[in-house]
Amino acid sequence: MIKKCLFPVAGYGTRFLPATKSMPKEMLPIVNKPLVQYGVEEALDAGLYEIGFVTGRGKRAINDHFDTNYELEKEIAGSGKEELLTGIRDVINRGTFSTTRQREMAGLGNAILTGQTLIGDEPFGVVLADDLCFGEGPGVLSQMVELYKQFRCTIVAIQEVPSDQIEKFGVIAGEQIREDVFRVTDMVEKPKAEDAPSNLAIIGRYILTPDIFDIIRDTPAGKNGEVQITDALLTQAKRGAVMAYKFKGRRYDCGSIQGFIDATNYCYENIYQG
């Protein structure tokens, strides 16, 4: 039903300078696997096999990673090191990968609109690789795909956040449908804690219906002169329905130094040592 997933990966990654001066932040390794690969694996596990990257200048390494490196593979063929490529070979074989470029950094809404050429007129997933998620059982995107089968509308992943973190997120208010699902009635981009409609923050997992493209196209720039996806989603919620899903699992903000370190420690202890 949903087979495409969009990865907006054009950002500069300035919080990780100087490492990201010439290296995409999405290629920073969590132990020995690039951050973006975790997100792609989550999408593939959810049945989204057509992967689209919205990239920018200096992001060629992402495309190269999801392609065959004949020289390297020939060099290590027959050695013990060859098995280290098993995971990425599986990813390459399971998915198809395409790319388009975002000409300017004009917000997440603009990045998603740029990806329309890769998506067409069908529902699709969006993964922000900075948000590294591990589901309890199925992955977060897999959980959301199951929910989409029931509601057939846009779905955003949410989690409760402490008040001192509210200003970093888009925040929703909504009518509670069940313990973990809300019908969105309001969204505010990065509000002050005292102005936030709730403590339910949107994180980097979405399932969007294709009408979102026309809505984004008609959405004026908001904070920082950027086209905010939360503004477009609020319009969509008022016209029809947007559901917010309190996912089962954990999330690490790998766009921050502390979150990156925490994610690395978790993966080392629970995946590579577990």
C-alpha atoms as a PDB file:
ATOM      1  CA  MET A   1       0.000   0.000   0.000  1.00  0.00           C
ATOM      2  CA  ILE A   2       2.844   2.383   0.896  1.00  0.00           C
ATOM      3  CA  LYS A   3       6.047   1.636  -0.960  1.00  0.00           C
ATOM      4  CA  LYS A   4       8.024   4.894  -1.048  1.00  0.00           C
ATOM      5  CA  CYS A   5       9.997   6.706   1.627  1.00  0.00           C
ATOM      6  CA  LEU A   6      11.595  10.128   1.420  1.00  0.00           C
ATOM      7  CA  PHE A   7      14.776  11.100   3.236  1.00  0.00           C
ATOM      8  CA  PRO A   8      15.438  14.861   3.435  1.00  0.00           C
ATOM      9  CA  VAL A   9      19.236  14.852   3.794  1.00  0.00           C
ATOM     10  CA  ALA A  10      20.295  18.225   2.398  1.00  0.00           C
ATOM     11  CA  GLY A  11      21.066  19.946   5.727  1.00  0.00           C
ATOM     12  CA  TYR A  12      24.511  21.233   6.595  1.00  0.00           C
ATOM     13  CA  GLY A  13      24.888  19.537   9.986  1.00  0.00           C
ATOM     14  CA  THR A  14      26.459  22.629  11.529  1.00  0.00           C
ATOM     15  CA  ARG A  15      26.208  21.286  15.080  1.00  0.00           C
ATOM     16  CA  PHE A  16      28.847  18.706  14.157  1.00  0.00           C
ATOM     17  CA  LEU A  17      31.409  21.031  12.600  1.00  0.00           C
ATOM     18  CA  PRO A  18      34.201  20.591  11.721  1.00  0.00           C
ATOM     19  CA  ALA A  19      33.411  16.890  11.072  1.00  0.00           C
ATOM     20  CA  THR A  20      30.601  17.847   8.702  1.00  0.00           C
ATOM     21  CA  LYS A  21      32.597  20.430   6.755  1.00  0.00           C
ATOM     22  CA  SER A  22      33.220  17.872   4.002  1.00  0.00           C
ATOM     23  CA  MET A  23      31.216  14.861   5.236  1.00  0.00           C
ATOM     24  CA  PRO A  24      27.425  14.528   5.307  1.00  0.00           C
ATOM     25  CA  LYS A  25      26.149  14.417   8.881  1.00  0.00           C
ATOM     26  CA  GLU A  26      23.951  11.478   7.836  1.00  0.00           C
ATOM     27  CA  MET A  27      27.125   9.466   7.183  1.00  0.00           C
ATOM     28  CA  LEU A  28      28.484   9.892  10.696  1.00  0.00           C
ATOM     29  CA  PRO A  29      28.817   6.378  12.138  1.00  0.00           C
ATOM     30  CA  ILE A  30      26.844   5.026  15.051  1.00  0.00           C
ATOM     31  CA  VAL A  31      29.463   2.422  16.015  1.00  0.00           C
ATOM     32  CA  ASN A  32      30.299   1.146  12.496  1.00  0.00           C
ATOM     33  CA  LYS A  33      27.098   1.915  10.543  1.00  0.00           C
ATOM     34  CA  PRO A  34      26.206   5.330   9.070  1.00  0.00           C
ATOM     35  CA  LEU A  35      23.278   7.067  10.716  1.00  0.00           C
ATOM     36  CA  VAL A  36      21.260   7.168   7.492  1.00  0.00           C
ATOM     37  CA  GLN A  37      21.545   3.399   7.041  1.00  0.00           C
ATOM     38  CA  TYR A  38      19.595   2.808  10.253  1.00  0.00           C
ATOM     39  CA  GLY A  39      16.745   4.893   8.849  1.00  0.00           C
ATOM     40  CA  VAL A  40      16.823   3.138   5.482  1.00  0.00           C
ATOM     41  CA  GLU A  41      16.726  -0.259   7.186  1.00  0.00           C
ATOM     42  CA  GLU A  42      13.718   0.882   9.214  1.00  0.00           C
ATOM     43  CA  ALA A  43      11.938   1.902   6.005  1.00  0.00           C
ATOM     44  CA  LEU A  44      12.769  -1.368   4.258  1.00  0.00           C
ATOM     45  CA  ASP A  45      11.540  -3.372   7.239  1.00  0.00           C
ATOM     46  CA  ALA A  46       8.244  -1.466   6.967  1.00  0.00           C
ATOM     47  CA  GLY A  47       7.883  -2.524   3.325  1.00  0.00           C
ATOM     48  CA  LEU A  48       8.947   0.827   1.856  1.00  0.00           C
ATOM     49  CA  TYR A  49      11.418  -0.364  -0.758  1.00  0.00           C
ATOM     50  CA  GLU A  50      11.607   2.726  -2.967  1.00  0.00           C
ATOM     51  CA  ILE A  51      13.958   5.106  -1.180  1.00  0.00           C
ATOM     52  CA  GLY A  52      14.281   8.723  -2.294  1.00  0.00           C
ATOM     53  CA  PHE A  53      16.943  11.139  -1.047  1.00  0.00           C
ATOM     54  CA  VAL A  54      16.498  14.903  -1.188  1.00  0.00           C
ATOM     55  CA  THR A  55      20.143  15.926  -1.157  1.00  0.00           C
ATOM     56  CA  GLY A  56      22.276  19.002  -1.606  1.00  0.00           C
ATOM     57  CA  ARG A  57      25.813  20.031  -2.388  1.00  0.00           C
ATOM     58  CA  GLY A  58      28.456  17.769  -0.869  1.00  0.00           C
ATOM     59  CA  LYS A  59      26.156  14.798  -0.245  1.00  0.00           C
ATOM     60  CA  ARG A  60      27.539  12.402  -2.818  1.00  0.00           C
ATOM     61  CA  ALA A  61      28.776  10.006  -0.122  1.00  0.00           C
ATOM     62  CA  ILE A  62      25.172   9.060   0.696  1.00  0.00           C
ATOM     63  CA  ASN A  63      24.523   7.886  -2.865  1.00  0.00           C
ATOM     64  CA  ASP A  64      27.864   6.093  -2.967  1.00  0.00           C
ATOM     65  CA  HIS A  65      27.097   4.246   0.253  1.00  0.00           C
ATOM     66  CA  PHE A  66      23.963   2.685  -1.237  1.00  0.00           C
ATOM     67  CA  ASP A  67      25.821   1.491  -4.311  1.00  0.00           C
ATOM     68  CA  THR A  68      28.406  -1.176  -5.067  1.00  0.00           C
ATOM     69  CA  ASN A  69      32.074  -0.300  -4.532  1.00  0.00           C
ATOM     70  CA  TYR A  70      33.755  -2.683  -6.954  1.00  0.00           C
ATOM     71  CA  GLU A  71      37.333  -1.751  -6.064  1.00  0.00           C
ATOM     72  CA  LEU A  72      36.801  -2.213  -2.333  1.00  0.00           C
ATOM     73  CA  GLU A  73      34.885  -5.449  -2.742  1.00  0.00           C
ATOM     74  CA  LYS A  74      37.552  -6.889  -5.014  1.00  0.00           C
ATOM     75  CA  GLU A  75      40.256  -5.898  -2.539  1.00  0.00           C
ATOM     76  CA  ILE A  76      38.667  -7.682   0.440  1.00  0.00           C
ATOM     77  CA  ALA A  77      37.059 -10.614  -1.432  1.00  0.00           C
ATOM     78  CA  GLY A  78      37.756 -13.910   0.317  1.00  0.00           C
ATOM     79  CA  SER A  79      38.999 -12.256   3.505  1.00  0.00           C
ATOM     80  CA  GLY A  80      37.335 -12.087   6.900  1.00  0.00           C
ATOM     81  CA  LYS A  81      36.535  -8.445   6.266  1.00  0.00           C
ATOM     82  CA  GLU A  82      34.104  -9.332   3.493  1.00  0.00           C
ATOM     83  CA  GLU A  83      31.403 -10.282   5.994  1.00  0.00           C
ATOM     84  CA  LEU A  84      31.385  -6.692   7.273  1.00  0.00           C
ATOM     85  CA  LEU A  85      29.639  -5.719   4.022  1.00  0.00           C
ATOM     86  CA  THR A  86      26.818  -8.256   4.457  1.00  0.00           C
ATOM     87  CA  GLY A  87      24.408  -5.752   6.004  1.00  0.00           C
ATOM     88  CA  ILE A  88      24.806  -3.005   3.413  1.00  0.00           C
ATOM     89  CA  ARG A  89      24.708  -5.527   0.552  1.00  0.00           C
ATOM     90  CA  ASP A  90      21.357  -6.732   1.883  1.00  0.00           C
ATOM     91  CA  VAL A  91      20.088  -3.140   2.041  1.00  0.00           C
ATOM     92  CA  ILE A  92      21.199  -2.441  -1.540  1.00  0.00           C
ATOM     93  CA  ASN A  93      19.548  -5.619  -2.797  1.00  0.00           C
ATOM     94  CA  ARG A  94      16.263  -4.957  -1.007  1.00  0.00           C
ATOM     95  CA  GLY A  95      15.752  -1.336  -2.047  1.00  0.00           C
ATOM     96  CA  THR A  96      15.878   0.958  -5.032  1.00  0.00           C
ATOM     97  CA  PHE A  97      17.473   4.364  -4.543  1.00  0.00           C
ATOM     98  CA  SER A  98      16.893   7.674  -6.301  1.00  0.00           C
ATOM     99  CA  THR A  99      17.952  11.247  -5.653  1.00  0.00           C
ATOM    100  CA  THR A 100      16.885  14.805  -6.306  1.00  0.00           C
ATOM    101  CA  ARG A 101      18.506  18.036  -5.158  1.00  0.00           C
ATOM    102  CA  GLN A 102      17.099  20.774  -2.945  1.00  0.00           C
ATOM    103  CA  ARG A 103      18.380  24.013  -4.415  1.00  0.00           C
ATOM    104  CA  GLU A 104      18.158  26.023  -1.191  1.00  0.00           C
ATOM    105  CA  MET A 105      17.732  25.245   2.479  1.00  0.00           C
ATOM    106  CA  ALA A 106      14.200  26.599   2.850  1.00  0.00           C
ATOM    107  CA  GLY A 107      12.765  24.329   5.515  1.00  0.00           C
ATOM    108  CA  LEU A 108      11.498  20.774   5.834  1.00  0.00           C
ATOM    109  CA  GLY A 109       8.313  21.634   3.974  1.00  0.00           C
ATOM    110  CA  ASN A 110      10.361  22.774   0.990  1.00  0.00           C
ATOM    111  CA  ALA A 111      12.514  19.648   1.154  1.00  0.00           C
ATOM    112  CA  ILE A 112       9.449  17.402   1.072  1.00  0.00           C
ATOM    113  CA  LEU A 113       7.970  19.389  -1.811  1.00  0.00           C
ATOM    114  CA  THR A 114      11.250  18.988  -3.688  1.00  0.00           C
ATOM    115  CA  GLY A 115      10.826  15.241  -3.306  1.00  0.00           C
ATOM    116  CA  GLN A 116       7.497  15.210  -5.139  1.00  0.00           C
ATOM    117  CA  THR A 117       9.271  14.251  -8.338  1.00  0.00           C
ATOM    118  CA  LEU A 118      10.382  11.014  -6.636  1.00  0.00           C
ATOM    119  CA  ILE A 119       7.031  10.261  -5.003  1.00  0.00           C
ATOM    120  CA  GLY A 120       4.302  11.098  -7.488  1.00  0.00           C
ATOM    121  CA  ASP A 121       0.656  10.829  -6.466  1.00  0.00           C
ATOM    122  CA  GLU A 122       0.686   8.267  -3.662  1.00  0.00           C
ATOM    123  CA  PRO A 123       1.088   8.101   0.121  1.00  0.00           C
ATOM    124  CA  PHE A 124       4.668   7.918   1.356  1.00  0.00           C
ATOM    125  CA  GLY A 125       6.841   7.808   4.421  1.00  0.00           C
ATOM    126  CA  VAL A 126       9.296  10.466   5.554  1.00  0.00           C
ATOM    127  CA  VAL A 127      12.269   9.686   7.772  1.00  0.00           C
ATOM    128  CA  LEU A 128      14.523  12.310   9.324  1.00  0.00           C
ATOM    129  CA  ALA A 129      17.743  10.381   9.806  1.00  0.00           C
ATOM    130  CA  ASP A 130      18.778  12.627  12.716  1.00  0.00           C
ATOM    131  CA  ASP A 131      16.075  10.909  14.755  1.00  0.00           C
ATOM    132  CA  LEU A 132      17.382   7.401  15.370  1.00  0.00           C
ATOM    133  CA  CYS A 133      14.458   5.246  16.486  1.00  0.00           C
ATOM    134  CA  PHE A 134      14.235   1.740  17.847  1.00  0.00           C
ATOM    135  CA  GLY A 135      10.777   0.222  18.131  1.00  0.00           C
ATOM    136  CA  GLU A 136       9.540  -2.146  20.773  1.00  0.00           C
ATOM    137  CA  GLY A 137       9.036  -5.097  18.466  1.00  0.00           C
ATOM    138  CA  PRO A 138       8.301  -3.652  15.007  1.00  0.00           C
ATOM    139  CA  GLY A 139      10.131  -0.470  14.019  1.00  0.00           C
ATOM    140  CA  VAL A 140       8.429   2.887  14.389  1.00  0.00           C
ATOM    141  CA  LEU A 141       7.677   3.200  10.677  1.00  0.00           C
ATOM    142  CA  SER A 142       6.256  -0.339  10.627  1.00  0.00           C
ATOM    143  CA  GLN A 143       3.940   0.606  13.481  1.00  0.00           C
ATOM    144  CA  MET A 144       2.796   3.674  11.552  1.00  0.00           C
ATOM    145  CA  VAL A 145       2.145   1.716   8.353  1.00  0.00           C
ATOM    146  CA  GLU A 146      -0.211  -0.556  10.280  1.00  0.00           C
ATOM    147  CA  LEU A 147      -1.975   2.501  11.646  1.00  0.00           C
ATOM    148  CA  TYR A 148      -2.288   3.967   8.153  1.00  0.00           C
ATOM    149  CA  LYS A 149      -4.131   0.856   7.020  1.00  0.00           C
ATOM    150  CA  GLN A 150      -6.793   1.725   9.591  1.00  0.00           C
ATOM    151  CA  PHE A 151      -7.070   5.512   9.227  1.00  0.00           C
ATOM    152  CA  ARG A 152      -5.911   6.143   5.620  1.00  0.00           C
ATOM    153  CA  CYS A 153      -4.697   9.666   6.413  1.00  0.00           C
ATOM    154  CA  THR A 154      -1.521  11.517   7.294  1.00  0.00           C
ATOM    155  CA  ILE A 155       0.142  10.261  10.486  1.00  0.00           C
ATOM    156  CA  VAL A 156       2.893  11.914  12.512  1.00  0.00           C
ATOM    157  CA  ALA A 157       4.912  10.225  15.244  1.00  0.00           C
ATOM    158  CA  ILE A 158       4.909  11.946  18.631  1.00  0.00           C
ATOM    159  CA  GLN A 159       6.426  11.532  22.060  1.00  0.00           C
ATOM    160  CA  GLU A 160       6.112  13.282  25.391  1.00  0.00           C
ATOM    161  CA  VAL A 161       8.965  15.690  26.060  1.00  0.00           C
ATOM    162  CA  PRO A 162       9.916  17.689  29.163  1.00  0.00           C
ATOM    163  CA  SER A 163       8.993  21.370  29.222  1.00  0.00           C
ATOM    164  CA  ASP A 164      12.597  22.525  28.851  1.00  0.00           C
ATOM    165  CA  GLN A 165      12.776  20.689  25.486  1.00  0.00           C
ATOM    166  CA  ILE A 166       9.497  21.946  24.004  1.00  0.00           C
ATOM    167  CA  GLU A 167      11.097  24.807  22.054  1.00  0.00           C
ATOM    168  CA  LYS A 168      12.986  22.309  19.876  1.00  0.00           C
ATOM    169  CA  PHE A 169       9.881  20.674  18.390  1.00  0.00           C
ATOM    170  CA  GLY A 170       6.619  21.073  16.601  1.00  0.00           C
ATOM    171  CA  VAL A 171       3.932  20.387  19.217  1.00  0.00           C
ATOM    172  CA  ILE A 172       0.403  19.075  18.722  1.00  0.00           C
ATOM    173  CA  ALA A 173      -2.931  19.354  20.469  1.00  0.00           C
ATOM    174  CA  GLY A 174      -5.590  16.808  19.681  1.00  0.00           C
ATOM    175  CA  GLU A 175      -8.625  14.747  20.486  1.00  0.00           C
ATOM    176  CA  GLN A 176      -7.581  11.443  22.011  1.00  0.00           C
ATOM    177  CA  ILE A 177      -8.920   8.525  19.954  1.00  0.00           C
ATOM    178  CA  ARG A 178      -7.258   5.813  21.980  1.00  0.00           C
ATOM    179  CA  GLU A 179      -4.383   5.616  24.441  1.00  0.00           C
ATOM    180  CA  ASP A 180      -1.721   6.134  21.761  1.00  0.00           C
ATOM    181  CA  VAL A 181      -3.577   7.979  18.968  1.00  0.00           C
ATOM    182  CA  PHE A 182      -4.760  11.594  18.754  1.00  0.00           C
ATOM    183  CA  ARG A 183      -6.716  13.374  16.039  1.00  0.00           C
ATOM    184  CA  VAL A 184      -4.756  16.601  15.569  1.00  0.00           C
ATOM    185  CA  THR A 185      -6.611  19.871  16.152  1.00  0.00           C
ATOM    186  CA  ASP A 186      -3.627  22.210  16.447  1.00  0.00           C
ATOM    187  CA  MET A 187       0.104  22.337  15.757  1.00  0.00           C
ATOM    188  CA  VAL A 188       2.660  24.917  16.790  1.00  0.00           C
ATOM    189  CA  GLU A 189       6.242  25.047  15.539  1.00  0.00           C
ATOM    190  CA  LYS A 190       8.809  25.377  18.346  1.00  0.00           C
ATOM    191  CA  PRO A 191       6.640  27.202  20.895  1.00  0.00           C
ATOM    192  CA  LYS A 192       7.816  28.481  24.225  1.00  0.00           C
ATOM    193  CA  ALA A 193       6.922  26.083  27.023  1.00  0.00           C
ATOM    194  CA  GLU A 194       4.231  28.413  28.382  1.00  0.00           C
ATOM    195  CA  ASP A 195       2.630  28.691  24.924  1.00  0.00           C
ATOM    196  CA  ALA A 196       2.738  25.010  23.975  1.00  0.00           C
ATOM    197  CA  PRO A 197      -0.663  23.327  23.540  1.00  0.00           C
ATOM    198  CA  SER A 198       0.665  20.089  25.091  1.00  0.00           C
ATOM    199  CA  ASN A 199       3.885  18.215  25.781  1.00  0.00           C
ATOM    200  CA  LEU A 200       3.384  15.958  22.724  1.00  0.00           C
ATOM    201  CA  ALA A 201       6.170  16.687  20.274  1.00  0.00           C
ATOM    202  CA  ILE A 202       6.446  15.606  16.647  1.00  0.00           C
ATOM    203  CA  ILE A 203       9.556  13.560  15.867  1.00  0.00           C
ATOM    204  CA  GLY A 204      11.114  12.643  12.536  1.00  0.00           C
ATOM    205  CA  ARG A 205       8.704   9.990  11.283  1.00  0.00           C
ATOM    206  CA  TYR A 206       5.740  10.775   9.034  1.00  0.00           C
ATOM    207  CA  ILE A 207       3.338   9.066   6.700  1.00  0.00           C
ATOM    208  CA  LEU A 208       1.929  11.689   4.343  1.00  0.00           C
ATOM    209  CA  THR A 209      -0.853  11.603   1.798  1.00  0.00           C
ATOM    210  CA  PRO A 210      -0.024  13.167  -1.594  1.00  0.00           C
ATOM    211  CA  ASP A 211      -2.339  16.158  -1.194  1.00  0.00           C
ATOM    212  CA  ILE A 212       0.327  17.511   1.149  1.00  0.00           C
ATOM    213  CA  PHE A 213       2.332  18.688  -1.886  1.00  0.00           C
ATOM    214  CA  ASP A 214      -0.282  21.196  -3.030  1.00  0.00           C
ATOM    215  CA  ILE A 215      -0.775  22.327   0.552  1.00  0.00           C
ATOM    216  CA  ILE A 216       2.960  22.947   0.991  1.00  0.00           C
ATOM    217  CA  ARG A 217       3.034  24.817  -2.310  1.00  0.00           C
ATOM    218  CA  ASP A 218       0.411  27.217  -0.935  1.00  0.00           C
ATOM    219  CA  THR A 219       1.984  27.515   2.526  1.00  0.00           C
ATOM    220  CA  PRO A 220       3.802  30.803   3.181  1.00  0.00           C
ATOM    221  CA  ALA A 221       7.197  30.841   4.831  1.00  0.00           C
ATOM    222  CA  GLY A 222       7.052  30.829   8.624  1.00  0.00           C
ATOM    223  CA  LYS A 223       9.746  30.998  11.287  1.00  0.00           C
ATOM    224  CA  ASN A 224      13.224  31.857   9.969  1.00  0.00           C
ATOM    225  CA  GLY A 225      11.773  32.393   6.502  1.00  0.00           C
ATOM    226  CA  GLU A 226      11.378  28.626   6.046  1.00  0.00           C
ATOM    227  CA  VAL A 227       8.393  26.618   4.853  1.00  0.00           C
ATOM    228  CA  GLN A 228       7.419  24.667   7.943  1.00  0.00           C
ATOM    229  CA  ILE A 229       5.866  21.235   7.487  1.00  0.00           C
ATOM    230  CA  THR A 230       3.875  21.805  10.686  1.00  0.00           C
ATOM    231  CA  ASP A 231       2.056  24.740   9.030  1.00  0.00           C
ATOM    232  CA  ALA A 232       1.122  22.553   6.073  1.00  0.00           C
ATOM    233  CA  LEU A 233       0.059  19.693   8.334  1.00  0.00           C
ATOM    234  CA  LEU A 234      -2.186  21.999  10.341  1.00  0.00           C
ATOM    235  CA  THR A 235      -3.927  23.053   7.131  1.00  0.00           C
ATOM    236  CA  GLN A 236      -4.324  19.405   6.198  1.00  0.00           C
ATOM    237  CA  ALA A 237      -5.733  18.614   9.653  1.00  0.00           C
ATOM    238  CA  LYS A 238      -8.332  21.367   9.329  1.00  0.00           C
ATOM    239  CA  ARG A 239      -9.394  20.197   5.869  1.00  0.00           C
ATOM    240  CA  GLY A 240      -9.570  16.513   6.705  1.00  0.00           C
ATOM    241  CA  ALA A 241      -7.644  14.489   9.244  1.00  0.00           C
ATOM    242  CA  VAL A 242      -4.131  14.123  10.610  1.00  0.00           C
ATOM    243  CA  MET A 243      -3.420  11.527  13.283  1.00  0.00           C
ATOM    244  CA  ALA A 244      -0.634  11.708  15.831  1.00  0.00           C
ATOM    245  CA  TYR A 245       0.772   8.407  17.046  1.00  0.00           C
ATOM    246  CA  LYS A 246       2.571   7.901  20.345  1.00  0.00           C
ATOM    247  CA  PHE A 247       4.978   5.272  19.109  1.00  0.00           C
ATOM    248  CA  LYS A 248       6.284   2.324  21.089  1.00  0.00           C
ATOM    249  CA  GLY A 249      10.034   2.521  21.332  1.00  0.00           C
ATOM    250  CA  ARG A 250      12.889   4.918  21.941  1.00  0.00           C
ATOM    251  CA  ARG A 251      14.308   7.858  20.025  1.00  0.00           C
ATOM    252  CA  TYR A 252      17.720   9.485  20.046  1.00  0.00           C
ATOM    253  CA  ASP A 253      18.286  13.003  18.737  1.00  0.00           C
ATOM    254  CA  CYS A 254      21.448  12.377  16.751  1.00  0.00           C
ATOM    255  CA  GLY A 255      21.417  15.947  15.534  1.00  0.00           C
ATOM    256  CA  SER A 256      22.843  16.837  18.953  1.00  0.00           C
ATOM    257  CA  ILE A 257      26.201  15.787  20.376  1.00  0.00           C
ATOM    258  CA  GLN A 258      24.682  14.296  23.530  1.00  0.00           C
ATOM    259  CA  GLY A 259      22.022  12.371  21.616  1.00  0.00           C
ATOM    260  CA  PHE A 260      24.639  11.046  19.222  1.00  0.00           C
ATOM    261  CA  ILE A 261      26.774   9.792  22.104  1.00  0.00           C
ATOM    262  CA  ASP A 262      23.757   8.237  23.848  1.00  0.00           C
ATOM    263  CA  ALA A 263      22.731   6.469  20.623  1.00  0.00           C
ATOM    264  CA  THR A 264      26.259   5.161  20.099  1.00  0.00           C
ATOM    265  CA  ASN A 265      26.386   3.778  23.643  1.00  0.00           C
ATOM    266  CA  TYR A 266      22.948   2.172  23.265  1.00  0.00           C
ATOM    267  CA  CYS A 267      23.828   0.514  19.965  1.00  0.00           C
ATOM    268  CA  TYR A 268      27.184  -0.710  21.226  1.00  0.00           C
ATOM    269  CA  GLU A 269      25.701  -2.203  24.375  1.00  0.00           C
ATOM    270  CA  ASN A 270      22.464  -3.619  22.947  1.00  0.00           C
ATOM    271  CA  ILE A 271      23.206  -4.446  19.315  1.00  0.00           C
ATOM    272  CA  TYR A 272      26.906  -5.042  18.868  1.00  0.00           C
ATOM    273  CA  GLN A 273      27.545  -6.525  22.296  1.00  0.00           C
ATOM    274  CA  GLY A 274      24.036  -7.895  22.881  1.00  0.00           C
END
